[in-house]
Amino acid sequence: MTALGEVEAFLRRHPHIPAYLVDVRAQRSVSQQIAARSGVEHESPQIIVFQRGAVVWNASHDDITAEALARWLPAA
């Protein structure tokens, strides 16, 4: 399954978790602002988990799984 598919699978099971998708090609400035503010260097595909405004976890490519998201989102 793709990284996007993993995130979508997670969100189907946890619809109360807010998630936002940034299309880095169409929203380059948003992607750059996230990288600058978070300190997380851009990769694609990528997921960044924030809690109270701080990055608590990020992953890219094959490390993005529904199970990994569940570990990093205790309210899930």
N, C-alpha and C. Protein backbone atom coordinates (compact mmCIF):
# COMPACT_ATOMS: atom_id res chain seq x y z
N MET A 1 0.85 -1.18 0.00
CA MET A 1 0.00 0.00 0.00
C MET A 1 0.90 1.25 0.00
N THR A 2 0.46 2.28 -0.66
CA THR A 2 1.21 3.54 -0.71
C THR A 2 1.12 4.27 0.63
N ALA A 3 1.99 5.25 0.83
CA ALA A 3 1.95 6.07 2.05
C ALA A 3 0.59 6.74 2.17
N LEU A 4 0.08 7.29 1.08
CA LEU A 4 -1.23 7.94 1.12
C LEU A 4 -2.31 6.92 1.49
N GLY A 5 -2.23 5.74 0.95
CA GLY A 5 -3.19 4.69 1.28
C GLY A 5 -3.14 4.32 2.76
N GLU A 6 -1.95 4.28 3.32
CA GLU A 6 -1.81 3.99 4.76
C GLU A 6 -2.47 5.09 5.60
N VAL A 7 -2.23 6.34 5.23
CA VAL A 7 -2.83 7.46 5.97
C VAL A 7 -4.35 7.41 5.83
N GLU A 8 -4.84 7.18 4.63
CA GLU A 8 -6.29 7.10 4.42
C GLU A 8 -6.90 5.96 5.23
N ALA A 9 -6.22 4.82 5.29
CA ALA A 9 -6.71 3.69 6.08
C ALA A 9 -6.78 4.06 7.56
N PHE A 10 -5.75 4.73 8.05
CA PHE A 10 -5.74 5.17 9.44
C PHE A 10 -6.89 6.13 9.70
N LEU A 11 -7.09 7.09 8.83
CA LEU A 11 -8.14 8.10 9.03
C LEU A 11 -9.55 7.51 8.94
N ARG A 12 -9.74 6.46 8.15
CA ARG A 12 -11.04 5.79 8.12
C ARG A 12 -11.37 5.19 9.48
N ARG A 13 -10.34 4.68 10.17
CA ARG A 13 -10.55 4.09 11.49
C ARG A 13 -10.59 5.14 12.60
N HIS A 14 -10.06 6.33 12.32
CA HIS A 14 -9.97 7.39 13.33
C HIS A 14 -10.39 8.74 12.72
N PRO A 15 -11.65 8.86 12.33
CA PRO A 15 -12.09 10.08 11.63
C PRO A 15 -12.03 11.35 12.48
N HIS A 16 -11.89 11.22 13.78
CA HIS A 16 -11.81 12.38 14.66
C HIS A 16 -10.42 13.03 14.68
N ILE A 17 -9.42 12.37 14.10
CA ILE A 17 -8.06 12.91 14.07
C ILE A 17 -7.96 13.90 12.92
N PRO A 18 -7.58 15.16 13.20
CA PRO A 18 -7.43 16.13 12.11
C PRO A 18 -6.18 15.83 11.29
N ALA A 19 -6.32 15.87 9.99
CA ALA A 19 -5.20 15.62 9.09
C ALA A 19 -5.31 16.58 7.90
N TYR A 20 -4.17 17.02 7.42
CA TYR A 20 -4.13 17.97 6.31
C TYR A 20 -3.12 17.48 5.28
N LEU A 21 -3.51 17.55 4.03
CA LEU A 21 -2.65 17.14 2.93
C LEU A 21 -2.13 18.37 2.22
N VAL A 22 -0.82 18.42 2.02
CA VAL A 22 -0.21 19.51 1.27
C VAL A 22 0.33 18.94 -0.03
N ASP A 23 -0.18 19.44 -1.14
CA ASP A 23 0.33 19.06 -2.45
C ASP A 23 1.55 19.94 -2.70
N VAL A 24 2.75 19.36 -2.52
CA VAL A 24 3.96 20.18 -2.55
C VAL A 24 4.23 20.82 -3.91
N ARG A 25 3.70 20.25 -4.95
CA ARG A 25 3.87 20.88 -6.27
C ARG A 25 2.96 22.10 -6.42
N ALA A 26 1.73 21.96 -5.98
CA ALA A 26 0.76 23.04 -6.13
C ALA A 26 0.85 24.06 -4.99
N GLN A 27 1.36 23.62 -3.84
CA GLN A 27 1.40 24.49 -2.66
C GLN A 27 2.83 24.58 -2.12
N ARG A 28 3.74 24.91 -3.02
CA ARG A 28 5.17 24.94 -2.66
C ARG A 28 5.45 25.87 -1.49
N SER A 29 4.83 27.04 -1.46
CA SER A 29 5.11 27.99 -0.37
C SER A 29 4.64 27.43 0.97
N VAL A 30 3.53 26.72 0.98
CA VAL A 30 3.04 26.11 2.22
C VAL A 30 4.04 25.05 2.68
N SER A 31 4.51 24.23 1.77
CA SER A 31 5.48 23.20 2.09
C SER A 31 6.75 23.82 2.67
N GLN A 32 7.21 24.90 2.07
CA GLN A 32 8.42 25.58 2.56
C GLN A 32 8.21 26.18 3.94
N GLN A 33 7.04 26.74 4.19
CA GLN A 33 6.74 27.31 5.50
C GLN A 33 6.70 26.21 6.58
N ILE A 34 6.12 25.09 6.25
CA ILE A 34 6.08 23.98 7.21
C ILE A 34 7.49 23.52 7.54
N ALA A 35 8.33 23.37 6.53
CA ALA A 35 9.72 22.95 6.75
C ALA A 35 10.46 23.97 7.62
N ALA A 36 10.28 25.25 7.33
CA ALA A 36 10.97 26.30 8.08
C ALA A 36 10.51 26.34 9.54
N ARG A 37 9.22 26.24 9.76
CA ARG A 37 8.68 26.34 11.12
C ARG A 37 8.89 25.07 11.95
N SER A 38 8.88 23.92 11.27
CA SER A 38 8.99 22.65 12.00
C SER A 38 10.43 22.19 12.17
N GLY A 39 11.31 22.65 11.27
CA GLY A 39 12.69 22.17 11.29
C GLY A 39 12.85 20.80 10.65
N VAL A 40 11.80 20.31 10.03
CA VAL A 40 11.82 18.99 9.39
C VAL A 40 12.08 19.20 7.90
N GLU A 41 13.18 18.65 7.41
CA GLU A 41 13.53 18.78 6.00
C GLU A 41 12.51 18.04 5.15
N HIS A 42 12.13 18.66 4.04
CA HIS A 42 11.09 18.09 3.18
C HIS A 42 11.56 16.80 2.50
N GLU A 43 10.67 15.82 2.52
CA GLU A 43 10.78 14.60 1.73
C GLU A 43 9.40 14.33 1.18
N SER A 44 9.31 13.50 0.18
CA SER A 44 8.00 13.20 -0.37
C SER A 44 7.95 11.75 -0.80
N PRO A 45 6.97 11.01 -0.33
CA PRO A 45 5.89 11.40 0.58
C PRO A 45 6.42 11.53 2.00
N GLN A 46 5.69 12.29 2.81
CA GLN A 46 6.12 12.56 4.17
C GLN A 46 4.91 12.81 5.06
N ILE A 47 5.07 12.47 6.32
CA ILE A 47 4.05 12.79 7.31
C ILE A 47 4.75 13.42 8.50
N ILE A 48 4.12 14.44 9.04
CA ILE A 48 4.65 15.11 10.23
C ILE A 48 3.52 15.16 11.25
N VAL A 49 3.78 14.66 12.44
CA VAL A 49 2.79 14.68 13.51
C VAL A 49 3.16 15.79 14.49
N PHE A 50 2.21 16.69 14.70
CA PHE A 50 2.39 17.79 15.65
C PHE A 50 1.50 17.55 16.85
N GLN A 51 2.00 17.86 18.02
CA GLN A 51 1.19 17.89 19.23
C GLN A 51 1.54 19.16 19.98
N ARG A 52 0.51 19.98 20.22
CA ARG A 52 0.68 21.27 20.87
C ARG A 52 1.71 22.14 20.14
N GLY A 53 1.71 22.08 18.83
CA GLY A 53 2.57 22.92 18.01
C GLY A 53 3.98 22.42 17.83
N ALA A 54 4.32 21.30 18.44
CA ALA A 54 5.68 20.75 18.32
C ALA A 54 5.65 19.45 17.53
N VAL A 55 6.70 19.23 16.76
CA VAL A 55 6.82 17.97 16.01
C VAL A 55 7.19 16.86 16.99
N VAL A 56 6.38 15.81 17.00
CA VAL A 56 6.67 14.66 17.85
C VAL A 56 7.12 13.44 17.04
N TRP A 57 6.84 13.47 15.74
CA TRP A 57 7.24 12.35 14.88
C TRP A 57 7.12 12.77 13.44
N ASN A 58 8.03 12.27 12.61
CA ASN A 58 7.88 12.43 11.16
C ASN A 58 8.45 11.19 10.50
N ALA A 59 7.94 10.91 9.34
CA ALA A 59 8.37 9.73 8.60
C ALA A 59 8.18 9.99 7.12
N SER A 60 8.86 9.18 6.33
CA SER A 60 8.69 9.28 4.89
C SER A 60 8.70 7.88 4.27
N HIS A 61 8.19 7.83 3.08
CA HIS A 61 8.18 6.63 2.26
C HIS A 61 7.58 5.42 3.00
N ASP A 62 8.32 4.31 3.05
CA ASP A 62 7.79 3.06 3.60
C ASP A 62 7.60 3.08 5.12
N ASP A 63 8.13 4.11 5.78
CA ASP A 63 7.94 4.21 7.23
C ASP A 63 6.56 4.77 7.59
N ILE A 64 5.83 5.23 6.60
CA ILE A 64 4.48 5.75 6.84
C ILE A 64 3.49 4.59 6.78
N THR A 65 3.02 4.18 7.95
CA THR A 65 2.04 3.10 8.02
C THR A 65 0.95 3.49 8.99
N ALA A 66 -0.21 2.88 8.84
CA ALA A 66 -1.32 3.12 9.75
C ALA A 66 -0.93 2.72 11.18
N GLU A 67 -0.18 1.65 11.32
CA GLU A 67 0.24 1.19 12.64
C GLU A 67 1.18 2.19 13.29
N ALA A 68 2.12 2.75 12.52
CA ALA A 68 3.04 3.74 13.07
C ALA A 68 2.27 4.99 13.50
N LEU A 69 1.31 5.40 12.71
CA LEU A 69 0.50 6.56 13.10
C LEU A 69 -0.22 6.30 14.42
N ALA A 70 -0.76 5.13 14.59
CA ALA A 70 -1.48 4.80 15.82
C ALA A 70 -0.55 4.85 17.03
N ARG A 71 0.71 4.49 16.85
CA ARG A 71 1.67 4.55 17.97
C ARG A 71 1.96 6.00 18.37
N TRP A 72 1.96 6.91 17.40
CA TRP A 72 2.34 8.30 17.66
C TRP A 72 1.15 9.20 17.95
N LEU A 73 -0.04 8.68 17.84
CA LEU A 73 -1.23 9.47 18.13
C LEU A 73 -2.00 8.75 19.25
N PRO A 74 -1.63 9.02 20.49
CA PRO A 74 -2.22 8.26 21.60
C PRO A 74 -3.73 8.40 21.72
N ALA A 75 -4.30 9.48 21.21
CA ALA A 75 -5.74 9.65 21.27
C ALA A 75 -6.46 8.80 20.24
N ALA A 76 -5.70 8.16 19.37
CA ALA A 76 -6.31 7.34 18.33
C ALA A 76 -6.88 6.11 18.97
